[in-house]
């Protein structure tokens, strides 16, 4: 008997802010891979009030791509809220989260799919590093803090390669408005007893447009949200025991 291939339903969720130079390639790459890997798929792009025409470009693309769903913010809501709004729309069995500046070869998404038969959450770890020394240092310190403070056995918390079962995703208490959302997803999954697998994935630095993830304001926001998360969990632990 021929073993039937595992072709689950997949939602790809991408946040987008001022990505007019990248978004078309990102959507087309995702579409190509999804057609090969799944019979039931969608691409959810959340435009976080872009000012460069990204939103209009997405609307034009959606007119000819039935699988593309576009969500528009009327004002800039930041990364975490953008991701959470994408999750609210995602409807398939598996949800894959990546950025719209093409940080990965979308073919590598296929590496996570067979693992989802055994795991609840697959997270990528960069094989190559940031070209910026400052970002390398920031990333190393942040990963060390998350591993140490929360005892999370993940090497690369913020890499934009994550696949999670939608059934699990719906149970996660996600509140982050900013870039702490990546860590919050992993921590909440761990809290729920999820089976988490980390795999090595090639990373491709942004070729076009600007990144703000290493800006002091973003870093301050991450630290603030991390502190809030710690206090929230400590408060809940004190009231009701481990949660």
Protein backbone atom coordinates (compact mmCIF):
# COMPACT_ATOMS: atom_id res chain seq x y z
CA UNK A 1 0.00 0.00 0.00
CA UNK A 2 1.34 3.43 -0.94
CA UNK A 3 1.56 5.73 2.06
CA UNK A 4 -0.51 8.85 1.51
CA UNK A 5 1.51 12.08 1.55
CA UNK A 6 0.93 14.47 4.44
CA UNK A 7 -0.58 17.60 2.87
CA UNK A 8 -2.13 19.61 5.71
CA UNK A 9 -4.00 22.87 5.34
CA UNK A 10 -1.57 25.77 5.80
CA UNK A 11 -2.00 29.46 6.57
CA UNK A 12 1.05 31.64 5.93
CA UNK A 13 0.92 34.82 8.02
CA UNK A 14 3.12 37.79 7.13
CA UNK A 15 3.24 41.24 8.74
CA UNK A 16 4.05 44.09 6.36
CA UNK A 17 5.09 47.67 6.96
CA UNK A 18 6.50 49.68 4.06
CA UNK A 19 7.49 46.58 2.09
CA UNK A 20 6.56 47.63 -1.46
CA UNK A 21 9.97 46.48 -2.72
CA UNK A 22 9.65 43.04 -1.14
CA UNK A 23 6.02 42.06 -0.76
CA UNK A 24 5.31 40.87 -4.30
CA UNK A 25 8.21 38.45 -4.26
CA UNK A 26 7.28 37.29 -0.74
CA UNK A 27 3.69 36.48 -1.72
CA UNK A 28 4.64 34.82 -5.00
CA UNK A 29 7.30 32.68 -3.30
CA UNK A 30 4.84 31.57 -0.63
CA UNK A 31 2.18 30.81 -3.23
CA UNK A 32 4.53 28.64 -5.27
CA UNK A 33 5.56 26.55 -2.26
CA UNK A 34 2.03 26.23 -0.91
CA UNK A 35 0.72 24.91 -4.23
CA UNK A 36 3.34 22.18 -4.05
CA UNK A 37 2.90 21.32 -0.36
CA UNK A 38 -0.82 21.66 0.36
CA UNK A 39 -4.26 21.31 -1.21
CA UNK A 40 -5.84 23.81 1.19
CA UNK A 41 -3.93 27.01 1.86
CA UNK A 42 -4.07 30.76 2.29
CA UNK A 43 -1.68 33.68 2.63
CA UNK A 44 -2.64 36.29 5.21
CA UNK A 45 -0.76 39.59 4.96
CA UNK A 46 -1.43 42.30 7.54
CA UNK A 47 -0.50 45.77 6.31
CA UNK A 48 0.38 47.83 9.37
CA UNK A 49 -0.67 51.20 7.89
CA UNK A 50 2.20 51.36 5.40
CA UNK A 51 2.92 54.77 3.87
CA UNK A 52 4.74 53.58 0.74
CA UNK A 53 1.87 51.98 -1.17
CA UNK A 54 2.29 48.46 0.20
CA UNK A 55 -1.40 48.22 1.04
CA UNK A 56 -2.57 49.23 -2.43
CA UNK A 57 -0.11 46.80 -4.01
CA UNK A 58 -1.48 43.98 -1.84
CA UNK A 59 -5.06 44.82 -2.82
CA UNK A 60 -4.13 44.64 -6.51
CA UNK A 61 -2.46 41.28 -5.97
CA UNK A 62 -5.43 39.94 -3.99
CA UNK A 63 -7.73 40.73 -6.91
CA UNK A 64 -5.97 38.03 -8.94
CA UNK A 65 -4.86 35.67 -6.14
CA UNK A 66 -7.89 34.11 -4.39
CA UNK A 67 -5.70 32.58 -1.68
CA UNK A 68 -4.37 35.99 -0.61
CA UNK A 69 -6.17 37.66 2.29
CA UNK A 70 -5.19 41.23 3.13
CA UNK A 71 -5.85 42.90 6.47
CA UNK A 72 -5.36 46.67 6.74
CA UNK A 73 -4.64 48.66 9.88
CA UNK A 74 -5.97 52.21 9.91
CA UNK A 75 -2.97 53.24 11.99
CA UNK A 76 0.38 51.71 12.81
CA UNK A 77 -0.22 49.10 15.51
CA UNK A 78 3.32 47.63 15.70
CA UNK A 79 4.63 44.14 15.17
CA UNK A 80 2.93 42.12 17.90
CA UNK A 81 -0.56 43.41 17.21
CA UNK A 82 0.01 42.90 13.48
CA UNK A 83 0.96 39.26 14.03
CA UNK A 84 -1.99 38.66 16.35
CA UNK A 85 -4.42 40.13 13.83
CA UNK A 86 -3.00 37.75 11.24
CA UNK A 87 -3.59 34.83 13.59
CA UNK A 88 -7.20 35.92 14.03
CA UNK A 89 -7.77 35.50 10.28
CA UNK A 90 -5.73 32.30 9.77
CA UNK A 91 -8.08 29.35 9.38
CA UNK A 92 -6.00 26.33 8.36
CA UNK A 93 -4.63 23.40 10.36
CA UNK A 94 -1.07 24.73 10.45
CA UNK A 95 0.01 28.36 10.70
CA UNK A 96 3.41 29.44 9.37
CA UNK A 97 4.77 32.83 10.40
CA UNK A 98 7.50 34.66 8.51
CA UNK A 99 8.37 38.22 7.54
CA UNK A 100 7.58 39.91 4.25
CA UNK A 101 11.18 40.99 3.55
CA UNK A 102 12.13 37.50 2.34
CA UNK A 103 14.36 36.40 5.25
CA UNK A 104 14.17 32.75 4.17
CA UNK A 105 13.94 30.64 1.06
CA UNK A 106 10.24 29.74 1.18
CA UNK A 107 11.13 26.24 -0.01
CA UNK A 108 12.51 25.74 3.49
CA UNK A 109 9.00 25.99 4.88
CA UNK A 110 8.57 22.40 3.67
CA UNK A 111 11.14 21.24 6.24
CA UNK A 112 8.71 21.96 9.07
CA UNK A 113 5.65 20.26 7.58
CA UNK A 114 6.51 16.57 8.20
CA UNK A 115 7.72 17.44 11.70
CA UNK A 116 4.24 18.72 12.57
CA UNK A 117 3.03 15.12 12.71
CA UNK A 118 5.19 14.72 15.84
CA UNK A 119 5.50 18.27 17.20
CA UNK A 120 3.12 21.14 17.96
CA UNK A 121 5.54 23.96 17.21
CA UNK A 122 8.59 24.13 14.92
CA UNK A 123 10.88 27.14 15.23
CA UNK A 124 13.82 28.02 13.01
CA UNK A 125 17.34 28.89 14.08
CA UNK A 126 19.55 30.94 11.75
CA UNK A 127 22.47 29.12 10.17
CA UNK A 128 23.83 32.47 8.99
CA UNK A 129 23.96 35.63 11.05
CA UNK A 130 23.07 39.29 10.72
CA UNK A 131 25.53 41.43 8.72
CA UNK A 132 25.35 44.08 11.46
CA UNK A 133 27.65 43.57 14.44
CA UNK A 134 25.23 45.56 16.59
CA UNK A 135 22.35 43.25 15.74
CA UNK A 136 24.50 40.17 16.33
CA UNK A 137 25.28 41.43 19.83
CA UNK A 138 21.68 42.43 20.57
CA UNK A 139 20.36 39.08 19.36
CA UNK A 140 22.90 37.08 21.37
CA UNK A 141 22.12 38.98 24.57
CA UNK A 142 18.37 38.71 24.07
CA UNK A 143 18.47 34.97 23.36
CA UNK A 144 20.64 34.45 26.45
CA UNK A 145 18.19 36.44 28.59
CA UNK A 146 15.17 34.46 27.39
CA UNK A 147 16.94 31.12 27.88
CA UNK A 148 18.19 32.07 31.34
CA UNK A 149 15.20 33.91 32.79
CA UNK A 150 12.49 31.64 31.40
CA UNK A 151 14.46 28.39 31.01
CA UNK A 152 13.39 28.17 27.39
CA UNK A 153 15.56 25.74 25.44
CA UNK A 154 15.52 27.66 22.15
CA UNK A 155 18.65 29.11 20.55
CA UNK A 156 17.10 31.73 18.25
CA UNK A 157 13.92 33.21 19.69
CA UNK A 158 13.15 36.00 17.22
CA UNK A 159 13.87 34.33 13.89
CA UNK A 160 10.92 34.73 11.54
CA UNK A 161 10.43 31.02 10.86
CA UNK A 162 7.74 29.46 13.00
CA UNK A 163 5.10 26.82 12.29
CA UNK A 164 2.45 26.06 14.88
CA UNK A 165 -0.71 24.02 15.01
CA UNK A 166 -3.70 26.34 14.91
CA UNK A 167 -5.36 24.26 17.63
CA UNK A 168 -2.49 25.20 19.95
CA UNK A 169 -2.29 28.79 18.73
CA UNK A 170 -5.87 29.44 19.77
CA UNK A 171 -4.99 28.48 23.37
CA UNK A 172 -2.02 30.83 23.72
CA UNK A 173 -2.47 33.96 25.83
CA UNK A 174 -0.74 36.41 23.48
CA UNK A 175 -0.77 40.07 24.48
CA UNK A 176 2.45 41.54 23.09
CA UNK A 177 2.15 44.66 20.96
CA UNK A 178 5.78 44.59 19.87
CA UNK A 179 8.64 42.26 19.00
CA UNK A 180 8.35 40.29 22.25
CA UNK A 181 5.57 38.38 20.45
CA UNK A 182 8.08 35.76 19.22
CA UNK A 183 9.25 34.93 22.73
CA UNK A 184 5.70 35.11 24.07
CA UNK A 185 4.55 32.54 21.52
CA UNK A 186 7.28 30.10 22.52
CA UNK A 187 6.83 30.70 26.25
CA UNK A 188 3.08 30.29 26.07
CA UNK A 189 3.47 27.12 24.00
CA UNK A 190 5.88 25.74 26.59
CA UNK A 191 3.45 26.67 29.37
CA UNK A 192 0.77 24.66 27.58
CA UNK A 193 3.02 21.62 27.41
CA UNK A 194 3.54 21.86 23.65
CA UNK A 195 6.14 19.73 21.90
CA UNK A 196 8.62 22.24 20.44
CA UNK A 197 11.27 21.46 17.84
CA UNK A 198 14.01 23.85 16.69
CA UNK A 199 15.64 23.33 13.27
CA UNK A 200 18.45 25.06 11.40
CA UNK A 201 17.37 27.31 8.52
CA UNK A 202 19.34 29.52 6.17
CA UNK A 203 18.76 33.23 6.79
CA UNK A 204 18.98 35.92 4.12
CA UNK A 205 19.50 39.50 5.36
CA UNK A 206 17.15 42.17 4.07
CA UNK A 207 18.20 43.30 0.60
CA UNK A 208 15.71 46.17 0.15
CA UNK A 209 14.07 48.60 2.54
CA UNK A 210 14.98 49.37 6.13
CA UNK A 211 14.75 47.37 9.33
CA UNK A 212 14.01 49.03 12.68
CA UNK A 213 14.32 45.96 14.88
CA UNK A 214 17.68 47.03 16.32
CA UNK A 215 16.54 50.56 17.19
CA UNK A 216 16.77 51.59 20.87
CA UNK A 217 13.02 52.19 21.06
CA UNK A 218 12.23 48.66 19.83
CA UNK A 219 14.71 47.13 22.28
CA UNK A 220 13.24 49.16 25.14
CA UNK A 221 9.74 47.98 24.17
CA UNK A 222 10.87 44.34 24.15
CA UNK A 223 12.41 44.66 27.62
CA UNK A 224 9.28 46.40 28.92
CA UNK A 225 6.99 43.69 27.57
CA UNK A 226 9.28 40.96 28.86
CA UNK A 227 9.07 42.48 32.35
CA UNK A 228 5.27 42.69 32.10
CA UNK A 229 5.11 39.04 31.04
CA UNK A 230 7.27 37.97 34.00
CA UNK A 231 5.08 39.90 36.45
CA UNK A 232 1.89 38.52 34.92
CA UNK A 233 3.07 34.95 35.23
CA UNK A 234 4.44 35.46 38.75
CA UNK A 235 1.14 36.98 39.83
CA UNK A 236 -0.83 34.09 38.36
CA UNK A 237 1.56 31.57 39.91
CA UNK A 238 1.11 33.20 43.30
CA UNK A 239 -2.67 33.12 43.05
CA UNK A 240 -3.28 29.69 41.61
CA UNK A 241 -0.04 27.76 41.48
CA UNK A 242 1.81 26.87 38.24
CA UNK A 243 -0.03 27.98 35.09
